[in-house]
Amino acid sequence: MKDVIKVGQEAMDFSLKDQNGKEVNLKDFRGKKVLLSFHPLAWTAG
């Protein structure tokens, strides 16, 4: 598992769409503490 991000390690920049379809970029939070947590939407399989 060579690509595991460790606690406190800087993550590479990426963008995703939120639940409303708005694009969110990680770089917009630079300098702030961010917790990344990914969850399937309630009405999706998984």
Protein backbone atom coordinates (compact mmCIF):
# COMPACT_ATOMS: atom_id res chain seq x y z
CA MET A 1 0.00 0.00 0.00
CA LYS A 2 2.46 2.62 -1.18
CA ASP A 3 -0.17 5.31 -1.92
CA VAL A 4 -1.68 5.52 1.56
CA ILE A 5 -1.97 9.06 2.95
CA LYS A 6 -0.79 9.29 6.55
CA VAL A 7 -2.33 11.51 9.24
CA GLY A 8 -0.99 15.04 8.83
CA GLN A 9 0.36 14.38 5.33
CA GLU A 10 -0.57 16.89 2.62
CA ALA A 11 -3.01 15.40 0.11
CA MET A 12 -2.67 15.99 -3.61
CA ASP A 13 -5.17 18.43 -5.11
CA PHE A 14 -8.39 17.05 -6.60
CA SER A 15 -11.93 18.18 -7.32
CA LEU A 16 -15.28 16.42 -6.94
CA LYS A 17 -18.93 17.39 -7.25
CA ASP A 18 -20.93 17.73 -4.05
CA GLN A 19 -24.47 16.44 -3.49
CA ASN A 20 -25.82 19.50 -5.33
CA GLY A 21 -23.56 19.07 -8.38
CA LYS A 22 -21.29 22.00 -7.40
CA GLU A 23 -17.58 21.38 -8.00
CA VAL A 24 -15.47 21.50 -4.85
CA ASN A 25 -11.66 21.77 -5.05
CA LEU A 26 -9.38 20.69 -2.22
CA LYS A 27 -7.06 23.62 -3.02
CA ASP A 28 -9.85 26.01 -1.93
CA PHE A 29 -9.26 24.82 1.64
CA ARG A 30 -5.46 25.30 1.63
CA GLY A 31 -4.23 26.47 5.05
CA LYS A 32 -7.29 25.05 6.83
CA LYS A 33 -7.71 21.73 8.59
CA VAL A 34 -9.80 19.37 6.47
CA LEU A 35 -11.21 15.93 7.22
CA LEU A 36 -11.77 13.86 4.07
CA SER A 37 -14.59 11.37 4.39
CA PHE A 38 -16.33 9.65 1.47
CA HIS A 39 -19.81 8.17 1.81
CA PRO A 40 -22.28 6.85 -0.78
CA LEU A 41 -25.50 8.82 -1.01
CA ALA A 42 -28.37 7.29 0.95
CA TRP A 43 -30.28 6.17 -2.15
CA THR A 44 -27.32 4.49 -3.87
CA ALA A 45 -26.23 0.88 -3.59
CA GLY A 46 -23.11 0.30 -1.57
